[in-house]
Amino acid sequence: MTLRRLGLMPSTFLVMALSFVISFLSLLGQLRPWPATLPQGLLSLDIADELHYGPNATARFSIDYGRLTEAAPAAVLYPSSPDDIAALVRFSYASPRPFVIAARGHGHSTRGQAFAPGGVVVDMASLGRGRRAGRRDRINVPLDDVHRLRYVDAGGEQLWIDVLRETLEHGVAPRSWTDYLYLTVGGTLSNAGISGQAFRHGPQISNVHELDVITGKGDMVTCSRDVNSDLFYGVLGGLGQLGIITRARIAVEPAPQRVRWVRFIYTDFGSFINDQELLISISEEGFDYVEGQLLMKNGAANSSFFSEGDSEKIRVLAAEFGAIYFLEGAIYYELSTASSVDQKLKLLLKKLSFVPGFAFTKDVSYLRFLDRVHRDEIKLRPMGLWDVPHPWLNLFVPKSRMRDFETGIFRGILIENDTPMATVLISPMNKSKWDEKMSVTIPDEDIFYAIGILRSATMDDRKHLDDQNDQILRFCDQAGIEFKQYLPHYTTQADWKKHFGVKWDRFVQLKRRYDPKALLSPGQRIFTTSL
């Protein structure tokens, strides 16, 4: 419980409050790194307590979406403003026995990246109480001096779905998305933020003008490409190692009203990737979104996109070939230009080599298209199929090795071993849309693919699937495939050094400058001691 909730003023009840906070924190257990006293400036912070949050106040912060590992924090901070977070970090930084701190957004990590074992997890959702009150208080879409909407300012804790809804009310929207929108702005920008729009606009980190960041020293810094640029570029894709993002200024453009949503089926992998690469090379007259998937025979066309009859046709085809592929595309348009969409699509289809008779289309609103994965979540949650272990593996693979990847992994490890149903995403990317100054690492080829092997597991088979992920990584290493992990997970600094490659030394320098005591994001396990 906090002084604010108790209705007490620190100046009047300092001694009583300090005694209460210390005794309360001891109830949370295992606080050996925590100093014996708290400064007056921290007494107004919302620290998780049993009276308000129940006897397991820290339990939900001890596990993430992956459900593959657990690590309990000593306490949870529920900040009402970025100042609260900065005060916490400054206190730890100045302490003779500092404690680690992790910012947690929606908790959608799969390998404990947002854990703070024995330290403090910051519940970013509490900032401004916007999400708890059902408001979008920390999303602002300002007008510039010629009354054109150019950007949106969004708190790092805000969900992308809320950013989308707010900007659509002004007729604009960000240009680059993730497939799933119930993720926080700070969370995706700390990684990259990718989906089928990235080939055209780059990842989300390529569409940011400015950031507010709290460093590992507790400094509150505004940064951009021109001001404090080393921090700006370092934080984007920096896995939370250099600072906590509390605000991002994100580029927007006029929002389309409708989407022509299409899927084409392929039995030949070469034709499938050739068509994907063709489509990402076309500018204005091509698709606005391009993504692909592997469909294995044990789960083909298990999607609400296809009608029951179409699903059966696709299942028969998958059974015949063992695995097939579908290319997914989207054309954004306005109601006033609807008449031109059919002609545009007709011209594109002539250039593609999908299986005749296996082209499927839908016409939906822009919001419906971008929020498509959430509809699956709504169906899966009541069935108990959402909050299950997720042994996911995400890789960036260079174009030159995709056929080896298909032979050895798609048709080898996954299909030959009759792997349980999985969503396997295969998305082409243009390297030119990624900024090399940012911390994120990608293959050194003009075109590379984001491969997402996204599986849901039971408690019985999660180890088997995790072992299979290790087998996939070993295959890549032995075959000399120069991949990079996306949403990376490594257990040794040597592996992290290999992951960052030529960016490693610069990343270490930035860590020394902005988080020299290695307080932030300990769950990534990149830096385990002060620098």
Protein backbone atom coordinates (compact mmCIF):
# COMPACT_ATOMS: atom_id res chain seq x y z
CA MET A 1 0.00 0.00 0.00
CA THR A 2 1.21 3.53 -0.70
CA LEU A 3 0.99 6.81 1.19
CA ARG A 4 -1.15 8.14 -1.64
CA ARG A 5 -3.65 5.34 -1.15
CA LEU A 6 -3.49 5.74 2.60
CA GLY A 7 -4.24 9.45 2.26
CA LEU A 8 -1.14 10.37 4.22
CA MET A 9 1.39 13.10 3.56
CA PRO A 10 5.08 12.09 3.66
CA SER A 11 6.09 15.15 5.63
CA THR A 12 3.66 14.27 8.48
CA PHE A 13 3.97 10.52 8.59
CA LEU A 14 7.49 9.93 7.29
CA VAL A 15 8.65 7.71 10.14
CA MET A 16 5.47 5.62 10.20
CA ALA A 17 5.41 5.31 6.41
CA LEU A 18 9.06 4.36 6.13
CA SER A 19 8.59 1.66 8.74
CA PHE A 20 5.51 0.38 6.92
CA VAL A 21 7.16 0.29 3.51
CA ILE A 22 10.21 -1.54 4.81
CA SER A 23 8.12 -4.11 6.67
CA PHE A 24 5.84 -4.53 3.66
CA LEU A 25 8.70 -5.05 1.27
CA SER A 26 10.06 -7.73 3.55
CA LEU A 27 6.74 -9.54 3.18
CA LEU A 28 7.41 -9.92 -0.51
CA GLY A 29 10.44 -11.98 0.44
CA GLN A 30 13.96 -12.50 -0.88
CA LEU A 31 14.86 -8.80 -0.88
CA ARG A 32 18.48 -9.26 0.01
CA PRO A 33 19.70 -6.76 -2.63
CA TRP A 34 17.30 -4.10 -1.38
CA PRO A 35 18.82 -1.40 0.82
CA ALA A 36 17.64 -1.12 4.42
CA THR A 37 15.86 2.21 3.89
CA LEU A 38 13.93 3.94 1.15
CA PRO A 39 14.28 7.65 0.33
CA GLN A 40 11.34 9.93 0.94
CA GLY A 41 10.95 10.47 -2.82
CA LEU A 42 10.06 6.81 -3.32
CA LEU A 43 7.39 6.62 -0.63
CA SER A 44 4.70 7.77 -3.05
CA LEU A 45 5.42 5.03 -5.56
CA ASP A 46 2.89 2.28 -6.06
CA ILE A 47 4.74 -0.84 -4.95
CA ALA A 48 2.83 -4.10 -5.36
CA ASP A 49 1.28 -5.15 -2.06
CA GLU A 50 -0.81 -7.97 -0.72
CA LEU A 51 -3.65 -5.79 0.53
CA HIS A 52 -4.42 -4.32 -2.90
CA TYR A 53 -3.22 -6.97 -5.35
CA GLY A 54 -3.80 -10.18 -3.42
CA PRO A 55 -1.44 -12.67 -1.78
CA ASN A 56 0.41 -13.37 -5.06
CA ALA A 57 1.14 -9.77 -6.00
CA THR A 58 4.24 -10.66 -8.00
CA ALA A 59 3.03 -13.97 -9.45
CA ARG A 60 1.80 -12.70 -12.81
CA PHE A 61 5.10 -10.90 -13.32
CA SER A 62 7.02 -14.15 -12.80
CA ILE A 63 5.83 -15.72 -16.06
CA ASP A 64 5.32 -14.48 -19.59
CA TYR A 65 3.49 -15.49 -22.76
CA GLY A 66 6.04 -18.20 -23.49
CA ARG A 67 5.27 -20.05 -20.23
CA LEU A 68 8.61 -21.78 -20.64
CA THR A 69 10.39 -20.36 -17.61
CA GLU A 70 9.67 -18.49 -14.39
CA ALA A 71 11.55 -15.92 -12.33
CA ALA A 72 10.02 -13.96 -9.50
CA PRO A 73 10.79 -10.30 -8.89
CA ALA A 74 11.13 -9.06 -5.34
CA ALA A 75 8.58 -6.34 -6.03
CA VAL A 76 6.53 -4.69 -8.76
CA LEU A 77 6.36 -0.96 -9.39
CA TYR A 78 3.02 0.50 -10.56
CA PRO A 79 4.13 3.97 -11.72
CA SER A 80 1.71 6.79 -12.34
CA SER A 81 4.24 8.79 -14.37
CA PRO A 82 7.70 8.41 -15.96
CA ASP A 83 9.07 10.39 -13.00
CA ASP A 84 8.24 7.44 -10.76
CA ILE A 85 10.28 5.10 -12.95
CA ALA A 86 13.21 7.50 -13.08
CA ALA A 87 13.16 7.83 -9.28
CA LEU A 88 13.29 4.06 -8.90
CA VAL A 89 16.21 3.72 -11.32
CA ARG A 90 18.13 6.58 -9.69
CA PHE A 91 17.64 5.00 -6.29
CA SER A 92 19.01 1.67 -7.47
CA TYR A 93 21.88 3.29 -9.33
CA ALA A 94 22.94 5.26 -6.22
CA SER A 95 22.57 2.31 -3.87
CA PRO A 96 25.65 0.44 -2.61
CA ARG A 97 23.74 -2.74 -3.48
CA PRO A 98 21.78 -1.90 -6.64
CA PHE A 99 18.89 -4.09 -7.78
CA VAL A 100 17.90 -4.97 -11.34
CA ILE A 101 14.87 -3.45 -13.08
CA ALA A 102 12.79 -4.65 -16.03
CA ALA A 103 10.05 -2.78 -17.84
CA ARG A 104 7.12 -5.05 -18.68
CA GLY A 105 4.50 -4.08 -21.23
CA HIS A 106 2.02 -6.74 -22.30
CA GLY A 107 4.25 -9.61 -21.17
CA HIS A 108 4.30 -11.13 -24.66
CA SER A 109 7.92 -12.28 -24.45
CA THR A 110 8.53 -16.00 -24.65
CA ARG A 111 11.90 -16.50 -22.94
CA GLY A 112 11.78 -14.34 -19.82
CA GLN A 113 13.08 -11.21 -21.54
CA ALA A 114 10.97 -8.99 -19.25
CA PHE A 115 11.88 -10.76 -15.99
CA ALA A 116 13.75 -9.13 -13.11
CA PRO A 117 14.80 -12.01 -10.84
CA GLY A 118 15.08 -10.70 -7.29
CA GLY A 119 14.65 -7.12 -8.52
CA VAL A 120 11.76 -4.89 -9.57
CA VAL A 121 9.45 -5.26 -12.55
CA VAL A 122 7.92 -1.98 -13.73
CA ASP A 123 4.32 -2.49 -14.81
CA MET A 124 4.26 -0.09 -17.76
CA ALA A 125 0.49 -0.47 -18.11
CA SER A 126 0.06 1.67 -15.01
CA LEU A 127 1.53 4.82 -16.56
CA GLY A 128 -1.15 7.49 -16.44
CA ARG A 129 -3.72 4.84 -15.53
CA GLY A 130 -4.78 5.11 -19.19
CA ARG A 131 -5.35 1.43 -19.82
CA ARG A 132 -6.94 0.72 -16.47
CA ALA A 133 -9.46 3.50 -16.96
CA GLY A 134 -10.13 2.49 -20.54
CA ARG A 135 -8.72 5.76 -21.87
CA ARG A 136 -5.92 6.61 -24.27
CA ASP A 137 -4.59 9.45 -22.14
CA ARG A 138 -0.99 9.21 -23.33
CA ILE A 139 -1.65 9.15 -27.07
CA ASN A 140 -1.57 12.53 -28.76
CA VAL A 141 -2.10 13.27 -32.46
CA PRO A 142 -1.11 16.94 -32.89
CA LEU A 143 -1.55 19.23 -35.89
CA ASP A 144 1.47 20.90 -37.41
CA ASP A 145 1.39 24.53 -38.50
CA VAL A 146 -0.18 23.72 -41.87
CA HIS A 147 -2.83 21.49 -40.28
CA ARG A 148 -1.49 18.25 -41.62
CA LEU A 149 -1.19 15.32 -39.28
CA ARG A 150 2.43 14.21 -39.35
CA TYR A 151 2.99 12.03 -36.31
CA VAL A 152 1.51 10.55 -33.16
CA ASP A 153 3.07 10.77 -29.70
CA ALA A 154 2.39 7.58 -27.78
CA GLY A 155 3.44 6.48 -24.32
CA GLY A 156 5.76 3.49 -24.30
CA GLU A 157 3.12 1.56 -22.37
CA GLN A 158 0.39 2.06 -24.96
CA LEU A 159 -0.88 -0.88 -26.97
CA TRP A 160 -0.61 -0.55 -30.75
CA ILE A 161 -4.32 -1.33 -31.08
CA ASP A 162 -5.06 1.79 -29.03
CA VAL A 163 -2.64 3.85 -31.10
CA LEU A 164 -4.43 2.63 -34.21
CA ARG A 165 -7.89 3.48 -32.90
CA GLU A 166 -6.83 6.92 -31.76
CA THR A 167 -5.11 7.84 -35.01
CA LEU A 168 -7.97 6.51 -37.14
CA GLU A 169 -10.23 9.03 -35.44
CA HIS A 170 -8.04 11.66 -37.11
CA GLY A 171 -7.91 9.90 -40.47
CA VAL A 172 -4.29 8.79 -40.15
CA ALA A 173 -2.36 5.74 -38.99
CA PRO A 174 1.23 4.56 -38.50
CA ARG A 175 2.73 2.90 -41.57
CA SER A 176 4.36 -0.20 -40.11
CA TRP A 177 2.77 -2.81 -37.86
CA THR A 178 3.15 -6.13 -36.12
CA ASP A 179 0.73 -8.93 -36.94
CA TYR A 180 -0.61 -8.84 -33.38
CA LEU A 181 -1.57 -5.37 -32.11
CA TYR A 182 -1.94 -6.07 -28.40
CA LEU A 183 1.72 -5.29 -27.82
CA THR A 184 3.19 -2.13 -26.35
CA VAL A 185 4.94 0.62 -28.26
CA GLY A 186 8.06 0.38 -26.08
CA GLY A 187 8.15 -3.39 -26.35
CA THR A 188 8.13 -3.64 -30.13
CA LEU A 189 10.49 -0.69 -30.61
CA SER A 190 12.98 -2.40 -28.30
CA ASN A 191 13.06 -5.28 -30.81
CA ALA A 192 12.10 -4.01 -34.28
CA GLY A 193 8.38 -4.49 -34.91
CA ILE A 194 7.79 -6.39 -38.14
CA SER A 195 4.94 -7.54 -40.32
CA GLY A 196 4.01 -7.68 -43.99
CA GLN A 197 4.37 -3.90 -44.43
CA ALA A 198 8.07 -3.91 -43.50
CA PHE A 199 9.23 -4.58 -47.08
CA ARG A 200 7.80 -1.18 -48.08
CA HIS A 201 8.09 1.01 -44.96
CA GLY A 202 10.68 -0.84 -42.94
CA PRO A 203 10.10 -2.15 -39.40
CA GLN A 204 8.45 0.02 -36.79
CA ILE A 205 11.84 1.24 -35.58
CA SER A 206 12.41 2.82 -39.01
CA ASN A 207 9.31 4.97 -38.54
CA VAL A 208 10.17 6.80 -35.31
CA HIS A 209 11.04 10.50 -35.12
CA GLU A 210 11.79 10.92 -31.41
CA LEU A 211 11.92 9.07 -28.10
CA ASP A 212 11.77 9.83 -24.39
CA VAL A 213 14.02 7.36 -22.60
CA ILE A 214 14.94 6.69 -18.97
CA THR A 215 18.52 5.44 -18.90
CA GLY A 216 20.10 3.00 -16.48
CA LYS A 217 21.31 5.99 -14.47
CA GLY A 218 17.78 7.31 -14.05
CA ASP A 219 18.29 10.21 -16.46
CA MET A 220 15.23 11.25 -18.49
CA VAL A 221 16.47 11.95 -22.01
CA THR A 222 14.69 13.07 -25.18
CA CYS A 223 16.51 11.79 -28.25
CA SER A 224 16.17 11.76 -32.02
CA ARG A 225 18.29 11.39 -35.14
CA ASP A 226 19.73 14.85 -34.45
CA VAL A 227 19.67 15.12 -30.65
CA ASN A 228 21.34 12.49 -28.44
CA SER A 229 21.42 10.38 -31.57
CA ASP A 230 23.63 7.63 -30.14
CA LEU A 231 20.98 6.83 -27.55
CA PHE A 232 18.18 7.11 -30.12
CA TYR A 233 19.74 4.63 -32.51
CA GLY A 234 20.96 2.40 -29.69
CA VAL A 235 17.58 2.06 -27.99
CA LEU A 236 15.76 1.16 -31.23
CA GLY A 237 16.22 -2.59 -31.42
CA GLY A 238 18.35 -2.41 -28.28
CA LEU A 239 16.39 -5.05 -26.33
CA GLY A 240 15.79 -2.68 -23.42
CA GLN A 241 19.48 -2.62 -22.50
CA LEU A 242 20.09 1.12 -22.74
CA GLY A 243 16.87 2.62 -21.47
CA ILE A 244 13.13 2.39 -20.87
CA ILE A 245 11.05 3.99 -23.61
CA THR A 246 8.33 6.17 -22.09
CA ARG A 247 7.27 8.05 -25.25
CA ALA A 248 7.71 7.58 -28.98
CA ARG A 249 6.93 10.02 -31.77
CA ILE A 250 5.78 7.81 -34.63
CA ALA A 251 5.34 8.72 -38.29
CA VAL A 252 1.80 8.52 -39.67
CA GLU A 253 0.18 8.76 -43.07
CA PRO A 254 -3.42 9.06 -44.32
CA ALA A 255 -5.23 5.89 -43.31
CA PRO A 256 -6.89 3.79 -46.01
CA GLN A 257 -10.52 2.81 -45.56
CA ARG A 258 -10.61 -0.65 -47.09
CA VAL A 259 -8.35 -3.62 -47.80
CA ARG A 260 -8.52 -6.18 -50.58
CA TRP A 261 -7.08 -9.20 -48.78
CA VAL A 262 -5.84 -12.11 -50.91
CA ARG A 263 -4.21 -15.51 -50.50
CA PHE A 264 -2.65 -17.69 -53.20
CA ILE A 265 -1.66 -21.34 -52.80
CA TYR A 266 1.66 -22.80 -54.03
CA THR A 267 2.96 -26.35 -54.18
CA ASP A 268 6.43 -25.31 -55.40
CA PHE A 269 8.65 -23.45 -52.93
CA GLY A 270 10.74 -21.83 -55.66
CA SER A 271 7.68 -20.27 -57.30
CA PHE A 272 6.43 -19.18 -53.88
CA ILE A 273 9.55 -17.22 -52.90
CA ASN A 274 10.14 -15.91 -56.44
CA ASP A 275 6.67 -14.38 -56.39
CA GLN A 276 7.22 -12.91 -52.94
CA GLU A 277 10.47 -11.31 -54.09
CA LEU A 278 8.79 -9.99 -57.22
CA LEU A 279 6.02 -8.39 -55.18
CA ILE A 280 8.36 -6.62 -52.76
CA SER A 281 10.23 -5.14 -55.73
CA ILE A 282 7.07 -3.46 -57.09
CA SER A 283 6.37 -0.02 -55.69
CA GLU A 284 3.11 1.86 -56.10
CA GLU A 285 1.32 -0.68 -58.27
CA GLY A 286 2.01 -3.65 -56.02
CA PHE A 287 0.70 -4.94 -52.73
CA ASP A 288 0.89 -2.88 -49.55
CA TYR A 289 1.39 -6.01 -47.47
CA VAL A 290 3.19 -9.27 -48.37
CA GLU A 291 3.62 -12.27 -46.12
CA GLY A 292 3.72 -16.04 -46.59
CA GLN A 293 3.09 -19.22 -44.65
CA LEU A 294 3.96 -22.87 -44.72
CA LEU A 295 0.89 -25.11 -44.48
CA MET A 296 1.65 -28.61 -43.24
CA LYS A 297 -0.83 -31.40 -43.90
CA ASN A 298 -1.80 -31.71 -40.23
CA GLY A 299 -2.98 -28.12 -39.98
CA ALA A 300 -3.50 -26.74 -43.47
CA ALA A 301 -5.98 -23.92 -43.92
CA ASN A 302 -7.00 -23.91 -40.28
CA SER A 303 -8.05 -20.29 -40.64
CA SER A 304 -11.26 -18.30 -40.61
CA PHE A 305 -10.07 -16.64 -43.82
CA PHE A 306 -11.07 -19.67 -45.89
CA SER A 307 -14.59 -21.01 -46.29
CA GLU A 308 -15.24 -24.60 -45.24
CA GLY A 309 -15.26 -25.73 -48.87
CA ASP A 310 -12.03 -23.91 -49.71
CA SER A 311 -10.37 -25.31 -46.57
CA GLU A 312 -11.18 -28.84 -47.70
CA LYS A 313 -9.69 -28.21 -51.16
CA ILE A 314 -6.52 -26.92 -49.56
CA ARG A 315 -6.29 -29.85 -47.13
CA VAL A 316 -6.51 -32.31 -50.02
CA LEU A 317 -3.71 -30.47 -51.81
CA ALA A 318 -1.55 -30.41 -48.68
CA ALA A 319 -2.08 -34.13 -48.12
CA GLU A 320 -0.94 -34.81 -51.68
CA PHE A 321 2.25 -32.74 -51.45
CA GLY A 322 3.01 -33.10 -47.72
CA ALA A 323 3.22 -29.34 -47.39
CA ILE A 324 2.14 -26.35 -49.41
CA TYR A 325 2.55 -22.59 -49.10
CA PHE A 326 0.32 -19.59 -49.31
CA LEU A 327 1.26 -16.08 -50.24
CA GLU A 328 -0.79 -13.41 -48.50
CA GLY A 329 -1.17 -9.93 -49.91
CA ALA A 330 -3.23 -6.81 -49.33
CA ILE A 331 -4.10 -3.74 -51.36
CA TYR A 332 -5.16 -0.70 -49.35
CA TYR A 333 -7.66 1.68 -50.94
CA GLU A 334 -10.28 4.37 -50.44
CA LEU A 335 -13.95 3.92 -51.19
CA SER A 336 -13.56 6.57 -53.88
CA THR A 337 -10.95 4.44 -55.69
CA ALA A 338 -12.66 1.05 -55.26
CA SER A 339 -13.31 0.71 -58.98
CA SER A 340 -9.58 0.54 -59.74
CA VAL A 341 -8.76 -2.25 -57.27
CA ASP A 342 -10.10 -5.09 -59.38
CA GLN A 343 -8.01 -4.01 -62.36
CA LYS A 344 -4.90 -3.58 -60.22
CA LEU A 345 -5.33 -7.05 -58.74
CA LYS A 346 -5.99 -8.58 -62.15
CA LEU A 347 -2.70 -7.19 -63.48
CA LEU A 348 -0.79 -8.50 -60.46
CA LEU A 349 -2.25 -11.99 -60.77
CA LYS A 350 -0.92 -12.29 -64.30
CA LYS A 351 2.62 -12.00 -62.92
CA LEU A 352 2.25 -14.75 -60.29
CA SER A 353 2.71 -18.53 -60.49
CA PHE A 354 0.29 -19.90 -57.88
CA VAL A 355 -1.77 -23.07 -58.40
CA PRO A 356 -4.62 -22.28 -60.83
CA GLY A 357 -7.95 -22.13 -59.07
CA PHE A 358 -6.36 -21.48 -55.68
CA ALA A 359 -6.69 -17.70 -55.36
CA PHE A 360 -8.95 -16.46 -52.57
CA THR A 361 -10.03 -12.90 -51.75
CA LYS A 362 -11.82 -10.94 -49.05
CA ASP A 363 -12.71 -7.30 -48.73
CA VAL A 364 -12.51 -5.86 -45.20
CA SER A 365 -12.03 -2.60 -43.34
CA TYR A 366 -8.50 -1.43 -42.60
CA LEU A 367 -9.05 -1.93 -38.86
CA ARG A 368 -10.43 -5.42 -39.41
CA PHE A 369 -7.38 -6.39 -41.45
CA LEU A 370 -4.77 -5.06 -39.05
CA ASP A 371 -6.53 -6.58 -36.03
CA ARG A 372 -6.99 -9.99 -37.65
CA VAL A 373 -4.90 -12.02 -35.17
CA HIS A 374 -6.96 -10.81 -32.22
CA ARG A 375 -10.01 -12.52 -33.71
CA ASP A 376 -8.14 -15.81 -33.45
CA GLU A 377 -7.22 -14.99 -29.85
CA ILE A 378 -10.90 -14.47 -28.99
CA LYS A 379 -11.67 -17.95 -30.32
CA LEU A 380 -8.70 -19.68 -28.69
CA ARG A 381 -8.95 -18.26 -25.17
CA PRO A 382 -12.24 -20.00 -24.20
CA MET A 383 -10.80 -23.25 -25.55
CA GLY A 384 -7.77 -23.00 -23.25
CA LEU A 385 -5.46 -22.77 -26.27
CA TRP A 386 -4.03 -19.28 -25.75
CA ASP A 387 -2.40 -19.31 -22.32
CA VAL A 388 -0.25 -22.37 -23.04
CA PRO A 389 3.51 -22.81 -23.51
CA HIS A 390 4.85 -21.16 -26.68
CA PRO A 391 8.25 -22.55 -27.72
CA TRP A 392 8.66 -20.04 -30.54
CA LEU A 393 11.68 -19.58 -32.76
CA ASN A 394 12.11 -16.47 -34.93
CA LEU A 395 14.97 -16.12 -37.40
CA PHE A 396 16.18 -13.76 -40.10
CA VAL A 397 17.52 -15.88 -42.97
CA PRO A 398 19.39 -14.53 -46.03
CA LYS A 399 17.67 -14.99 -49.38
CA SER A 400 20.60 -16.99 -50.77
CA ARG A 401 20.02 -19.80 -48.23
CA MET A 402 16.23 -20.06 -48.33
CA ARG A 403 16.18 -23.19 -50.50
CA ASP A 404 18.60 -24.89 -48.09
CA PHE A 405 16.36 -23.80 -45.23
CA GLU A 406 13.30 -25.23 -46.97
CA THR A 407 14.98 -28.57 -47.69
CA GLY A 408 16.63 -29.04 -44.33
CA ILE A 409 14.08 -27.51 -41.98
CA PHE A 410 10.63 -27.15 -43.54
CA ARG A 411 10.66 -30.49 -45.33
CA GLY A 412 13.34 -32.05 -43.18
CA ILE A 413 13.05 -31.34 -39.48
CA LEU A 414 9.42 -30.15 -39.39
CA ILE A 415 7.58 -32.29 -41.95
CA GLU A 416 9.56 -35.53 -41.78
CA ASN A 417 9.18 -35.57 -37.98
CA ASP A 418 5.41 -35.00 -38.29
CA THR A 419 5.69 -31.86 -36.16
CA PRO A 420 2.46 -30.81 -34.44
CA MET A 421 0.55 -28.03 -36.13
CA ALA A 422 2.37 -24.72 -36.13
CA THR A 423 2.05 -21.30 -37.69
CA VAL A 424 5.16 -20.88 -39.83
CA LEU A 425 5.53 -17.35 -41.22
CA ILE A 426 7.83 -16.64 -44.18
CA SER A 427 8.09 -12.90 -44.81
CA PRO A 428 10.45 -11.18 -47.27
CA MET A 429 12.29 -8.03 -46.19
CA ASN A 430 14.25 -5.34 -48.05
CA LYS A 431 17.48 -4.53 -46.21
CA SER A 432 17.39 -0.99 -47.60
CA LYS A 433 14.42 -0.23 -45.33
CA TRP A 434 16.46 -0.95 -42.18
CA ASP A 435 18.82 1.60 -40.63
CA GLU A 436 22.24 0.11 -39.92
CA LYS A 437 22.81 2.64 -37.13
CA MET A 438 20.19 0.94 -34.99
CA SER A 439 21.07 -1.88 -32.60
CA VAL A 440 18.98 -4.56 -34.30
CA THR A 441 21.00 -7.03 -36.39
CA ILE A 442 19.97 -8.50 -39.74
CA PRO A 443 21.64 -10.66 -42.43
CA ASP A 444 24.00 -8.91 -44.82
CA GLU A 445 21.98 -9.42 -48.01
CA ASP A 446 19.69 -7.07 -49.91
CA ILE A 447 16.75 -9.41 -49.36
CA PHE A 448 16.28 -11.61 -46.31
CA TYR A 449 13.35 -13.49 -44.80
CA ALA A 450 11.77 -13.35 -41.38
CA ILE A 451 10.92 -16.93 -40.42
CA GLY A 452 8.59 -17.37 -37.48
CA ILE A 453 8.02 -20.93 -36.25
CA LEU A 454 5.19 -20.22 -33.83
CA ARG A 455 3.94 -23.22 -31.89
CA SER A 456 1.60 -23.83 -29.01
CA ALA A 457 2.52 -26.73 -26.74
CA THR A 458 1.24 -28.84 -23.92
CA MET A 459 3.24 -29.43 -20.78
CA ASP A 460 4.08 -32.86 -22.18
CA ASP A 461 5.52 -31.84 -25.55
CA ARG A 462 7.05 -28.44 -24.86
CA LYS A 463 10.48 -29.95 -24.16
CA HIS A 464 10.35 -31.93 -27.38
CA LEU A 465 9.50 -28.80 -29.37
CA ASP A 466 12.20 -26.82 -27.60
CA ASP A 467 14.69 -29.55 -28.43
CA GLN A 468 13.54 -29.33 -32.04
CA ASN A 469 14.28 -25.60 -32.00
CA ASP A 470 17.81 -26.42 -30.88
CA GLN A 471 18.02 -28.93 -33.74
CA ILE A 472 17.01 -26.20 -36.20
CA LEU A 473 19.71 -23.87 -34.87
CA ARG A 474 22.32 -26.63 -35.07
CA PHE A 475 21.33 -27.34 -38.66
CA CYS A 476 21.80 -23.68 -39.57
CA ASP A 477 25.19 -23.56 -37.87
CA GLN A 478 26.40 -26.76 -39.51
CA ALA A 479 25.10 -25.68 -42.93
CA GLY A 480 26.80 -22.30 -42.60
CA ILE A 481 23.53 -20.34 -42.82
CA GLU A 482 24.31 -16.85 -41.50
CA PHE A 483 21.01 -16.34 -39.69
CA LYS A 484 20.14 -13.87 -36.95
CA GLN A 485 17.63 -14.54 -34.22
CA TYR A 486 14.72 -12.13 -33.97
CA LEU A 487 13.42 -11.70 -30.41
CA PRO A 488 16.75 -13.34 -29.56
CA HIS A 489 17.48 -15.68 -26.69
CA TYR A 490 20.99 -16.77 -25.76
CA THR A 491 22.51 -18.02 -22.52
CA THR A 492 26.13 -16.90 -22.89
CA GLN A 493 27.74 -13.58 -23.68
CA ALA A 494 29.81 -15.30 -26.36
CA ASP A 495 26.59 -16.11 -28.21
CA TRP A 496 25.39 -12.54 -27.78
CA LYS A 497 28.68 -11.24 -29.15
CA LYS A 498 28.26 -13.48 -32.18
CA HIS A 499 24.67 -12.28 -32.58
CA PHE A 500 25.59 -8.59 -32.64
CA GLY A 501 28.67 -9.20 -34.78
CA VAL A 502 30.31 -5.96 -35.90
CA LYS A 503 27.84 -4.00 -33.73
CA TRP A 504 28.96 -5.63 -30.49
CA ASP A 505 31.77 -3.25 -29.50
CA ARG A 506 29.56 -0.21 -30.12
CA PHE A 507 26.73 -1.80 -28.14
CA VAL A 508 29.06 -2.41 -25.19
CA GLN A 509 30.21 1.23 -25.33
CA LEU A 510 26.60 2.41 -25.21
CA LYS A 511 25.85 0.09 -22.31
CA ARG A 512 28.80 1.54 -20.39
CA ARG A 513 27.55 5.05 -21.10
CA TYR A 514 23.86 4.63 -20.35
CA ASP A 515 23.58 1.63 -18.00
CA PRO A 516 27.04 0.99 -16.56
CA LYS A 517 25.73 -1.02 -13.60
CA ALA A 518 23.70 -3.32 -15.87
CA LEU A 519 20.45 -2.58 -14.05
CA LEU A 520 18.07 -2.78 -17.01
CA SER A 521 16.47 -5.79 -18.69
CA PRO A 522 18.38 -8.51 -16.83
CA GLY A 523 16.09 -11.15 -18.35
CA GLN A 524 17.89 -10.79 -21.68
CA ARG A 525 21.03 -12.15 -19.96
CA ILE A 526 23.36 -10.07 -22.13
CA PHE A 527 25.21 -8.27 -19.33
CA THR A 528 25.25 -9.92 -15.93
CA THR A 529 27.72 -7.64 -14.16
CA SER A 530 28.55 -3.94 -14.07
CA LEU A 531 30.72 -2.65 -16.89
